[in-house]
Amino acid sequence: MFSTRVSHVVEELEQREDLGEFLRIKEEIVPEAGYIYSFLLKFDLNDFTAMILRILNSIMKKRARNTRLIEGYCINFKLSAN
């Protein structure tokens, strides 16, 4: 799992041509961070997660047919044997 600021992602897209090519985003059309934040506020967590997974799966469609990106959760638990 990872996290990053939207503003950092925008900066990386503006500075790294290879990243923009991978995501099929041209440097001159990278949106501002404020616009992205206001767009993301329109979604609840489930809708947002589904949207991101669809985007990633469409970008990575050159993988094997039976391979899919999956959502993962970090689950912490304590196990004690008595």
N, C-alpha and C. Protein backbone atom coordinates (compact mmCIF):
# COMPACT_ATOMS: atom_id res chain seq x y z
N MET A 1 0.84 -1.18 0.00
CA MET A 1 0.00 0.00 0.00
C MET A 1 0.89 1.25 0.00
N PHE A 2 0.40 2.29 -0.58
CA PHE A 2 1.15 3.53 -0.63
C PHE A 2 0.18 4.69 -0.64
N SER A 3 0.72 5.86 -0.39
CA SER A 3 -0.09 7.07 -0.50
C SER A 3 0.82 8.21 -0.95
N THR A 4 0.23 9.18 -1.58
CA THR A 4 0.98 10.35 -2.02
C THR A 4 0.02 11.51 -2.21
N ARG A 5 0.53 12.70 -2.23
CA ARG A 5 -0.30 13.90 -2.44
C ARG A 5 -0.60 14.04 -3.93
N VAL A 6 -1.79 14.52 -4.23
CA VAL A 6 -2.17 14.77 -5.62
C VAL A 6 -1.22 15.77 -6.25
N SER A 7 -0.82 16.78 -5.48
CA SER A 7 0.09 17.79 -6.03
C SER A 7 1.42 17.17 -6.45
N HIS A 8 1.88 16.15 -5.72
CA HIS A 8 3.12 15.45 -6.09
C HIS A 8 2.93 14.69 -7.41
N VAL A 9 1.78 14.05 -7.57
CA VAL A 9 1.49 13.32 -8.81
C VAL A 9 1.47 14.29 -9.99
N VAL A 10 0.84 15.45 -9.80
CA VAL A 10 0.77 16.46 -10.87
C VAL A 10 2.18 16.91 -11.24
N GLU A 11 3.02 17.18 -10.24
CA GLU A 11 4.40 17.59 -10.50
C GLU A 11 5.16 16.52 -11.28
N GLU A 12 4.99 15.27 -10.88
CA GLU A 12 5.68 14.17 -11.58
C GLU A 12 5.21 14.06 -13.02
N LEU A 13 3.91 14.21 -13.25
CA LEU A 13 3.39 14.14 -14.62
C LEU A 13 3.93 15.27 -15.48
N GLU A 14 4.11 16.44 -14.88
CA GLU A 14 4.63 17.58 -15.62
C GLU A 14 6.12 17.43 -15.92
N GLN A 15 6.85 16.76 -15.03
CA GLN A 15 8.30 16.67 -15.17
C GLN A 15 8.78 15.41 -15.90
N ARG A 16 8.02 14.33 -15.81
CA ARG A 16 8.47 13.05 -16.36
C ARG A 16 7.66 12.66 -17.59
N GLU A 17 8.27 12.82 -18.73
CA GLU A 17 7.60 12.52 -19.99
C GLU A 17 7.22 11.04 -20.09
N ASP A 18 8.08 10.15 -19.57
CA ASP A 18 7.80 8.72 -19.64
C ASP A 18 6.56 8.33 -18.84
N LEU A 19 6.35 8.98 -17.70
CA LEU A 19 5.17 8.71 -16.89
C LEU A 19 3.90 9.18 -17.61
N GLY A 20 3.98 10.34 -18.22
CA GLY A 20 2.85 10.84 -19.00
C GLY A 20 2.52 9.94 -20.17
N GLU A 21 3.55 9.42 -20.83
CA GLU A 21 3.32 8.49 -21.95
C GLU A 21 2.67 7.21 -21.47
N PHE A 22 3.13 6.69 -20.32
CA PHE A 22 2.56 5.46 -19.77
C PHE A 22 1.07 5.65 -19.46
N LEU A 23 0.71 6.79 -18.90
CA LEU A 23 -0.68 7.07 -18.55
C LEU A 23 -1.47 7.69 -19.69
N ARG A 24 -0.79 7.89 -20.83
CA ARG A 24 -1.40 8.50 -22.01
C ARG A 24 -1.94 9.90 -21.71
N ILE A 25 -1.14 10.68 -20.99
CA ILE A 25 -1.48 12.06 -20.66
C ILE A 25 -0.39 12.96 -21.22
N LYS A 26 -0.77 13.90 -22.04
CA LYS A 26 0.20 14.84 -22.59
C LYS A 26 0.48 15.93 -21.56
N GLU A 27 1.73 16.39 -21.52
CA GLU A 27 2.16 17.36 -20.52
C GLU A 27 1.29 18.61 -20.52
N GLU A 28 0.88 19.06 -21.69
CA GLU A 28 0.12 20.30 -21.77
C GLU A 28 -1.32 20.16 -21.28
N ILE A 29 -1.79 18.93 -21.02
CA ILE A 29 -3.16 18.77 -20.51
C ILE A 29 -3.22 18.21 -19.09
N VAL A 30 -2.11 18.22 -18.36
CA VAL A 30 -2.11 17.77 -16.97
C VAL A 30 -2.94 18.77 -16.16
N PRO A 31 -4.00 18.30 -15.50
CA PRO A 31 -4.85 19.22 -14.74
C PRO A 31 -4.15 19.71 -13.47
N GLU A 32 -4.64 20.81 -12.93
CA GLU A 32 -4.10 21.33 -11.68
C GLU A 32 -4.60 20.48 -10.51
N ALA A 33 -3.84 20.47 -9.43
CA ALA A 33 -4.18 19.65 -8.27
C ALA A 33 -5.55 20.02 -7.71
N GLY A 34 -5.89 21.30 -7.66
CA GLY A 34 -7.19 21.72 -7.13
C GLY A 34 -8.35 21.14 -7.92
N TYR A 35 -8.20 21.08 -9.23
CA TYR A 35 -9.25 20.49 -10.07
C TYR A 35 -9.41 19.00 -9.77
N ILE A 36 -8.29 18.31 -9.61
CA ILE A 36 -8.34 16.87 -9.32
C ILE A 36 -9.00 16.63 -7.98
N TYR A 37 -8.63 17.41 -6.94
CA TYR A 37 -9.26 17.25 -5.63
C TYR A 37 -10.77 17.46 -5.71
N SER A 38 -11.22 18.50 -6.41
CA SER A 38 -12.66 18.77 -6.51
C SER A 38 -13.36 17.65 -7.28
N PHE A 39 -12.70 17.07 -8.27
CA PHE A 39 -13.27 15.94 -9.01
C PHE A 39 -13.41 14.71 -8.10
N LEU A 40 -12.37 14.43 -7.31
CA LEU A 40 -12.38 13.25 -6.45
C LEU A 40 -13.42 13.33 -5.34
N LEU A 41 -13.76 14.53 -4.92
CA LEU A 41 -14.76 14.69 -3.86
C LEU A 41 -16.15 14.23 -4.28
N LYS A 42 -16.37 14.04 -5.56
CA LYS A 42 -17.68 13.62 -6.07
C LYS A 42 -17.95 12.13 -5.85
N PHE A 43 -16.94 11.37 -5.46
CA PHE A 43 -17.06 9.91 -5.38
C PHE A 43 -17.00 9.43 -3.94
N ASP A 44 -17.78 8.37 -3.64
CA ASP A 44 -17.58 7.70 -2.35
C ASP A 44 -16.45 6.68 -2.54
N LEU A 45 -16.02 6.07 -1.46
CA LEU A 45 -14.84 5.19 -1.50
C LEU A 45 -15.01 4.03 -2.48
N ASN A 46 -16.17 3.37 -2.47
CA ASN A 46 -16.38 2.22 -3.35
C ASN A 46 -16.36 2.62 -4.82
N ASP A 47 -17.03 3.71 -5.16
CA ASP A 47 -17.04 4.18 -6.55
C ASP A 47 -15.63 4.58 -6.99
N PHE A 48 -14.91 5.27 -6.10
CA PHE A 48 -13.55 5.70 -6.43
C PHE A 48 -12.64 4.49 -6.68
N THR A 49 -12.71 3.50 -5.79
CA THR A 49 -11.88 2.31 -5.93
C THR A 49 -12.19 1.58 -7.23
N ALA A 50 -13.48 1.42 -7.54
CA ALA A 50 -13.87 0.75 -8.78
C ALA A 50 -13.37 1.52 -10.00
N MET A 51 -13.46 2.85 -9.96
CA MET A 51 -13.00 3.67 -11.07
C MET A 51 -11.49 3.50 -11.29
N ILE A 52 -10.71 3.57 -10.22
CA ILE A 52 -9.26 3.44 -10.32
C ILE A 52 -8.87 2.06 -10.84
N LEU A 53 -9.53 1.02 -10.36
CA LEU A 53 -9.22 -0.33 -10.84
C LEU A 53 -9.54 -0.49 -12.31
N ARG A 54 -10.65 0.10 -12.79
CA ARG A 54 -10.98 0.04 -14.22
C ARG A 54 -9.92 0.77 -15.04
N ILE A 55 -9.48 1.92 -14.55
CA ILE A 55 -8.45 2.69 -15.27
C ILE A 55 -7.15 1.89 -15.34
N LEU A 56 -6.71 1.35 -14.21
CA LEU A 56 -5.46 0.59 -14.19
C LEU A 56 -5.55 -0.66 -15.06
N ASN A 57 -6.68 -1.35 -15.01
CA ASN A 57 -6.84 -2.55 -15.84
C ASN A 57 -6.86 -2.20 -17.32
N SER A 58 -7.40 -1.05 -17.69
CA SER A 58 -7.42 -0.68 -19.10
C SER A 58 -6.02 -0.27 -19.58
N ILE A 59 -5.24 0.36 -18.72
CA ILE A 59 -3.87 0.74 -19.07
C ILE A 59 -3.00 -0.50 -19.22
N MET A 60 -3.20 -1.46 -18.36
CA MET A 60 -2.35 -2.64 -18.32
C MET A 60 -2.94 -3.81 -19.11
N LYS A 61 -3.73 -3.55 -20.14
CA LYS A 61 -4.42 -4.61 -20.86
C LYS A 61 -3.50 -5.52 -21.67
N LYS A 62 -2.23 -5.22 -21.76
CA LYS A 62 -1.30 -6.06 -22.52
C LYS A 62 -0.83 -7.27 -21.71
N ARG A 63 -1.27 -7.38 -20.47
CA ARG A 63 -0.88 -8.53 -19.65
C ARG A 63 -1.62 -9.78 -20.10
N ALA A 64 -1.31 -10.90 -19.50
CA ALA A 64 -1.99 -12.16 -19.83
C ALA A 64 -3.49 -12.01 -19.62
N ARG A 65 -4.27 -12.73 -20.40
CA ARG A 65 -5.72 -12.60 -20.35
C ARG A 65 -6.31 -12.85 -18.97
N ASN A 66 -5.79 -13.79 -18.24
CA ASN A 66 -6.37 -14.15 -16.94
C ASN A 66 -5.77 -13.36 -15.78
N THR A 67 -5.00 -12.34 -16.07
CA THR A 67 -4.37 -11.54 -15.03
C THR A 67 -5.16 -10.26 -14.84
N ARG A 68 -5.46 -9.91 -13.60
CA ARG A 68 -6.18 -8.68 -13.28
C ARG A 68 -5.51 -8.01 -12.10
N LEU A 69 -5.56 -6.69 -12.09
CA LEU A 69 -5.14 -5.96 -10.90
C LEU A 69 -6.24 -6.12 -9.87
N ILE A 70 -5.86 -6.38 -8.64
CA ILE A 70 -6.88 -6.56 -7.62
C ILE A 70 -6.67 -5.57 -6.49
N GLU A 71 -7.73 -5.32 -5.80
CA GLU A 71 -7.70 -4.41 -4.66
C GLU A 71 -7.19 -5.19 -3.46
N GLY A 72 -6.37 -4.58 -2.65
CA GLY A 72 -5.87 -5.24 -1.46
C GLY A 72 -6.04 -4.36 -0.24
N TYR A 73 -6.26 -4.97 0.86
CA TYR A 73 -6.41 -4.24 2.11
C TYR A 73 -5.38 -4.76 3.11
N CYS A 74 -4.89 -3.87 3.91
CA CYS A 74 -3.99 -4.24 4.99
C CYS A 74 -4.85 -4.54 6.21
N ILE A 75 -4.75 -5.75 6.73
CA ILE A 75 -5.55 -6.14 7.90
C ILE A 75 -4.58 -6.50 9.01
N ASN A 76 -4.71 -5.80 10.12
CA ASN A 76 -3.89 -6.08 11.29
C ASN A 76 -4.72 -6.86 12.30
N PHE A 77 -4.16 -7.92 12.82
CA PHE A 77 -4.86 -8.66 13.86
C PHE A 77 -3.83 -9.28 14.79
N LYS A 78 -4.28 -9.56 16.00
CA LYS A 78 -3.41 -10.15 17.00
C LYS A 78 -3.90 -11.57 17.26
N LEU A 79 -3.00 -12.52 17.18
CA LEU A 79 -3.33 -13.92 17.40
C LEU A 79 -2.63 -14.37 18.66
N SER A 80 -3.40 -14.91 19.58
CA SER A 80 -2.79 -15.42 20.80
C SER A 80 -3.32 -16.82 21.07
N ALA A 81 -2.44 -17.73 21.35
CA ALA A 81 -2.82 -19.11 21.66
C ALA A 81 -2.71 -19.32 23.16
N ASN A 82 -3.78 -19.78 23.74
CA ASN A 82 -3.78 -20.05 25.20
C ASN A 82 -3.77 -21.51 25.47
